[in-house]
N, C-alpha and C. Protein backbone atom coordinates (compact mmCIF):
# COMPACT_ATOMS: atom_id res chain seq x y z
N MET A 1 181.89 111.64 128.04
CA MET A 1 181.72 110.21 128.20
C MET A 1 183.09 109.55 128.14
N THR A 2 183.32 108.65 129.05
CA THR A 2 184.60 107.94 129.08
C THR A 2 184.52 106.68 128.22
N GLN A 3 185.66 106.10 127.94
CA GLN A 3 185.69 104.85 127.19
C GLN A 3 184.95 103.76 127.96
N HIS A 4 185.10 103.75 129.27
CA HIS A 4 184.41 102.75 130.10
C HIS A 4 182.89 102.89 129.97
N GLU A 5 182.39 104.13 129.98
CA GLU A 5 180.95 104.36 129.83
C GLU A 5 180.47 103.95 128.45
N LEU A 6 181.29 104.20 127.43
CA LEU A 6 180.93 103.81 126.08
C LEU A 6 180.92 102.29 125.95
N GLU A 7 181.88 101.62 126.57
CA GLU A 7 181.90 100.15 126.56
C GLU A 7 180.66 99.59 127.24
N ALA A 8 180.23 100.22 128.33
CA ALA A 8 179.02 99.78 129.03
C ALA A 8 177.81 99.94 128.12
N LEU A 9 177.77 101.02 127.35
CA LEU A 9 176.67 101.25 126.41
C LEU A 9 176.67 100.19 125.31
N VAL A 10 177.85 99.86 124.80
CA VAL A 10 177.96 98.81 123.79
C VAL A 10 177.52 97.47 124.37
N ASP A 11 177.91 97.20 125.63
CA ASP A 11 177.48 95.96 126.27
C ASP A 11 175.96 95.91 126.41
N GLU A 12 175.36 97.05 126.72
CA GLU A 12 173.92 97.10 126.94
C GLU A 12 173.13 97.03 125.64
N LEU A 13 173.55 97.78 124.63
CA LEU A 13 172.77 97.91 123.39
C LEU A 13 173.27 97.03 122.25
N GLY A 14 174.54 96.68 122.29
CA GLY A 14 175.15 95.97 121.16
C GLY A 14 175.86 96.95 120.25
N LEU A 15 176.91 96.50 119.62
CA LEU A 15 177.74 97.36 118.78
C LEU A 15 176.97 97.93 117.60
N VAL A 16 176.15 97.08 116.94
CA VAL A 16 175.41 97.53 115.76
C VAL A 16 174.46 98.67 116.13
N SER A 17 173.80 98.56 117.27
CA SER A 17 172.87 99.61 117.70
C SER A 17 173.60 100.90 118.01
N VAL A 18 174.77 100.81 118.62
CA VAL A 18 175.54 102.01 118.93
C VAL A 18 176.01 102.68 117.63
N VAL A 19 176.47 101.90 116.67
CA VAL A 19 176.89 102.45 115.38
C VAL A 19 175.68 103.08 114.68
N SER A 20 174.51 102.45 114.80
CA SER A 20 173.29 103.00 114.22
C SER A 20 172.97 104.36 114.83
N LEU A 21 173.11 104.47 116.15
CA LEU A 21 172.88 105.75 116.82
C LEU A 21 173.86 106.81 116.31
N LEU A 22 175.12 106.43 116.14
CA LEU A 22 176.13 107.36 115.62
C LEU A 22 175.78 107.80 114.20
N ALA A 23 175.32 106.87 113.38
CA ALA A 23 174.92 107.21 112.01
C ALA A 23 173.76 108.19 112.03
N ASN A 24 172.78 107.95 112.91
CA ASN A 24 171.64 108.87 113.02
C ASN A 24 172.09 110.25 113.47
N ILE A 25 173.04 110.31 114.40
CA ILE A 25 173.57 111.60 114.86
C ILE A 25 174.22 112.33 113.70
N CYS A 26 175.01 111.62 112.89
CA CYS A 26 175.67 112.24 111.74
C CYS A 26 174.65 112.81 110.77
N HIS A 27 173.61 112.03 110.47
CA HIS A 27 172.59 112.52 109.53
C HIS A 27 171.83 113.71 110.10
N ASN A 28 171.56 113.69 111.41
CA ASN A 28 170.91 114.84 112.05
C ASN A 28 171.79 116.08 111.98
N LYS A 29 173.09 115.91 112.23
CA LYS A 29 174.03 117.03 112.15
C LYS A 29 174.09 117.56 110.72
N ALA A 30 174.06 116.66 109.73
CA ALA A 30 174.06 117.08 108.33
C ALA A 30 172.83 117.92 108.03
N ARG A 31 171.66 117.47 108.51
CA ARG A 31 170.43 118.24 108.29
C ARG A 31 170.49 119.60 108.95
N GLN A 32 171.02 119.64 110.17
CA GLN A 32 171.15 120.93 110.87
C GLN A 32 172.07 121.87 110.09
N THR A 33 173.18 121.33 109.61
CA THR A 33 174.13 122.14 108.85
C THR A 33 173.51 122.61 107.54
N LEU A 34 172.73 121.73 106.90
CA LEU A 34 172.07 122.07 105.65
C LEU A 34 171.12 123.26 105.87
N CYS A 35 170.38 123.23 106.96
CA CYS A 35 169.45 124.33 107.27
C CYS A 35 170.19 125.63 107.54
N LEU A 36 171.34 125.54 108.21
CA LEU A 36 172.07 126.74 108.62
C LEU A 36 172.98 127.30 107.53
N LYS A 37 173.65 126.40 106.80
CA LYS A 37 174.71 126.86 105.90
C LYS A 37 174.54 126.46 104.44
N GLY A 38 173.63 125.55 104.15
CA GLY A 38 173.42 125.12 102.77
C GLY A 38 174.21 123.87 102.43
N GLN A 39 173.84 123.27 101.29
CA GLN A 39 174.39 121.98 100.89
C GLN A 39 175.86 122.04 100.51
N GLY A 40 176.36 123.19 100.09
CA GLY A 40 177.75 123.29 99.68
C GLY A 40 178.72 123.38 100.84
N ALA A 41 178.22 123.50 102.06
CA ALA A 41 179.10 123.66 103.22
C ALA A 41 179.85 122.37 103.49
N SER A 42 181.16 122.48 103.73
CA SER A 42 181.94 121.27 103.96
C SER A 42 181.53 120.51 105.22
N PRO A 43 181.06 121.18 106.30
CA PRO A 43 180.58 120.37 107.44
C PRO A 43 179.38 119.49 107.06
N TYR A 44 178.50 120.01 106.18
CA TYR A 44 177.37 119.20 105.71
C TYR A 44 177.89 117.95 105.01
N THR A 45 178.82 118.15 104.08
CA THR A 45 179.37 117.03 103.32
C THR A 45 180.03 116.01 104.24
N ALA A 46 180.77 116.49 105.22
CA ALA A 46 181.47 115.59 106.15
C ALA A 46 180.48 114.79 106.99
N TRP A 47 179.49 115.47 107.60
CA TRP A 47 178.50 114.76 108.43
C TRP A 47 177.72 113.76 107.59
N ASN A 48 177.28 114.17 106.41
CA ASN A 48 176.49 113.29 105.55
C ASN A 48 177.30 112.08 105.11
N SER A 49 178.54 112.31 104.71
CA SER A 49 179.41 111.22 104.28
C SER A 49 179.71 110.25 105.43
N ASN A 50 179.98 110.81 106.60
CA ASN A 50 180.26 109.95 107.76
C ASN A 50 179.04 109.11 108.13
N GLY A 51 177.86 109.70 108.08
CA GLY A 51 176.65 108.94 108.36
C GLY A 51 176.46 107.81 107.37
N PHE A 52 176.72 108.09 106.09
CA PHE A 52 176.60 107.07 105.05
C PHE A 52 177.60 105.93 105.29
N LEU A 53 178.84 106.28 105.62
CA LEU A 53 179.87 105.26 105.87
C LEU A 53 179.52 104.40 107.09
N LEU A 54 178.97 105.03 108.13
CA LEU A 54 178.58 104.26 109.31
C LEU A 54 177.45 103.29 108.98
N ARG A 55 176.50 103.73 108.14
CA ARG A 55 175.41 102.82 107.73
C ARG A 55 175.97 101.64 106.92
N GLN A 56 176.94 101.91 106.04
CA GLN A 56 177.57 100.82 105.29
C GLN A 56 178.27 99.85 106.24
N LEU A 57 178.96 100.41 107.23
CA LEU A 57 179.67 99.59 108.20
C LEU A 57 178.70 98.70 108.98
N MET A 58 177.53 99.23 109.32
CA MET A 58 176.54 98.46 110.08
C MET A 58 176.18 97.17 109.37
N THR A 59 176.10 97.21 108.04
CA THR A 59 175.70 96.01 107.29
C THR A 59 176.77 94.93 107.34
N ARG A 60 177.99 95.29 107.71
CA ARG A 60 179.09 94.33 107.75
C ARG A 60 179.44 93.87 109.16
N LEU A 61 178.90 94.56 110.16
CA LEU A 61 179.19 94.19 111.54
C LEU A 61 178.39 92.96 111.95
N ARG A 62 178.99 92.15 112.79
CA ARG A 62 178.28 91.01 113.34
C ARG A 62 177.63 91.43 114.65
N PRO A 63 176.40 90.99 114.89
CA PRO A 63 175.74 91.36 116.14
C PRO A 63 176.54 90.86 117.35
N THR A 64 176.59 91.69 118.38
CA THR A 64 177.36 91.34 119.58
C THR A 64 176.45 91.05 120.77
N CYS A 65 175.13 91.20 120.57
CA CYS A 65 174.20 90.84 121.64
C CYS A 65 172.91 90.37 120.99
N SER A 66 172.04 89.77 121.78
CA SER A 66 170.78 89.29 121.25
C SER A 66 169.91 90.47 120.83
N TYR A 67 169.02 90.23 119.90
CA TYR A 67 168.15 91.28 119.38
C TYR A 67 167.19 91.76 120.46
N ASP A 68 167.08 93.06 120.57
CA ASP A 68 166.14 93.68 121.50
C ASP A 68 165.15 94.48 120.66
N PRO A 69 163.87 94.10 120.66
CA PRO A 69 162.91 94.80 119.80
C PRO A 69 162.76 96.28 120.13
N ASP A 70 163.13 96.69 121.35
CA ASP A 70 163.06 98.11 121.70
C ASP A 70 164.20 98.91 121.10
N VAL A 71 165.26 98.23 120.65
CA VAL A 71 166.42 98.91 120.05
C VAL A 71 166.63 98.29 118.68
N ASP A 72 165.94 98.84 117.68
CA ASP A 72 166.03 98.31 116.32
C ASP A 72 167.05 99.12 115.55
N PRO A 73 168.19 98.49 115.17
CA PRO A 73 169.23 99.24 114.46
C PRO A 73 168.79 99.72 113.09
N HIS A 74 167.69 99.17 112.56
CA HIS A 74 167.23 99.60 111.24
C HIS A 74 166.10 100.61 111.34
N ASP A 75 165.75 101.03 112.56
CA ASP A 75 164.71 102.03 112.75
C ASP A 75 165.29 103.41 112.45
N HIS A 76 164.74 104.09 111.46
CA HIS A 76 165.31 105.38 111.05
C HIS A 76 164.62 106.48 111.79
């Protein structure tokens, strides 16, 4: 994906929704790593921590587009 394509996605979904998707990806990667390698694995810790930080960041971001009920940034 190019920066231009990512910008188009942000324009379409809004920054908060894109960050929410990234946080969900991090948590999914953490779960996958947990299943494969266990909780002590450093990739698990990194993915889990990054997902947590992205969720914290979401609460501080200002919405950049109008709310779309089909794209709920708080939908887990």
